[in-house]
Amino acid sequence: MLLRLLGLLLAVWIVVTVVGWVVEGLFWLAVVGLLLLLVTGALGVRERIRR
């Protein structure tokens, strides 16, 4: 269940990052999306190692 949620969050952060890069005035959104993507990915890896 938690891994599915993390997968969904990863997809959302990818979309946020792409939108931030496409819309020139929203570069900060791309940076925030990329940071959240990395944090969520790290949490997913940690959860997978625990199991």
Protein backbone atom coordinates (compact mmCIF):
# COMPACT_ATOMS: atom_id res chain seq x y z
CA MET A 1 0.00 0.00 0.00
CA LEU A 2 2.74 2.46 0.95
CA LEU A 3 4.77 1.64 -2.15
CA ARG A 4 1.74 2.36 -4.35
CA LEU A 5 1.32 5.73 -2.66
CA LEU A 6 5.00 6.50 -3.18
CA GLY A 7 4.68 5.49 -6.84
CA LEU A 8 1.74 7.83 -7.26
CA LEU A 9 3.68 10.64 -5.60
CA LEU A 10 6.63 10.01 -7.92
CA ALA A 11 4.32 10.35 -10.93
CA VAL A 12 2.87 13.60 -9.56
CA TRP A 13 6.33 15.06 -8.91
CA ILE A 14 7.43 14.16 -12.45
CA VAL A 15 4.42 16.02 -13.86
CA VAL A 16 5.10 19.03 -11.61
CA THR A 17 8.74 19.08 -12.70
CA VAL A 18 7.87 18.92 -16.40
CA VAL A 19 5.26 21.68 -16.06
CA GLY A 20 7.84 23.82 -14.27
CA TRP A 21 10.31 23.39 -17.13
CA VAL A 22 7.73 23.93 -19.89
CA VAL A 23 6.30 27.12 -18.41
CA GLU A 24 9.29 29.46 -18.35
CA GLY A 25 8.11 31.57 -15.42
CA LEU A 26 7.70 28.55 -13.18
CA PHE A 27 11.30 27.38 -12.95
CA TRP A 28 10.95 27.29 -9.15
CA LEU A 29 8.20 24.70 -9.62
CA ALA A 30 10.62 22.50 -11.54
CA VAL A 31 13.18 22.78 -8.74
CA VAL A 32 10.61 21.96 -6.05
CA GLY A 33 9.26 19.06 -8.11
CA LEU A 34 12.74 17.66 -8.62
CA LEU A 35 13.54 17.88 -4.92
CA LEU A 36 10.28 16.19 -3.95
CA LEU A 37 10.92 13.51 -6.57
CA LEU A 38 14.31 12.74 -5.04
CA VAL A 39 12.96 12.66 -1.47
CA THR A 40 10.05 10.41 -2.42
CA GLY A 41 12.37 8.10 -4.34
CA ALA A 42 14.67 7.84 -1.33
CA LEU A 43 11.72 6.99 0.91
CA GLY A 44 10.62 4.31 -1.54
CA VAL A 45 14.07 2.75 -1.63
CA ARG A 46 14.27 2.80 2.17
CA GLU A 47 10.85 1.14 2.47
CA ARG A 48 11.75 -1.51 -0.09
CA ILE A 49 15.00 -2.34 1.74
CA ARG A 50 13.13 -2.69 5.05
CA ARG A 51 10.87 -5.39 3.64
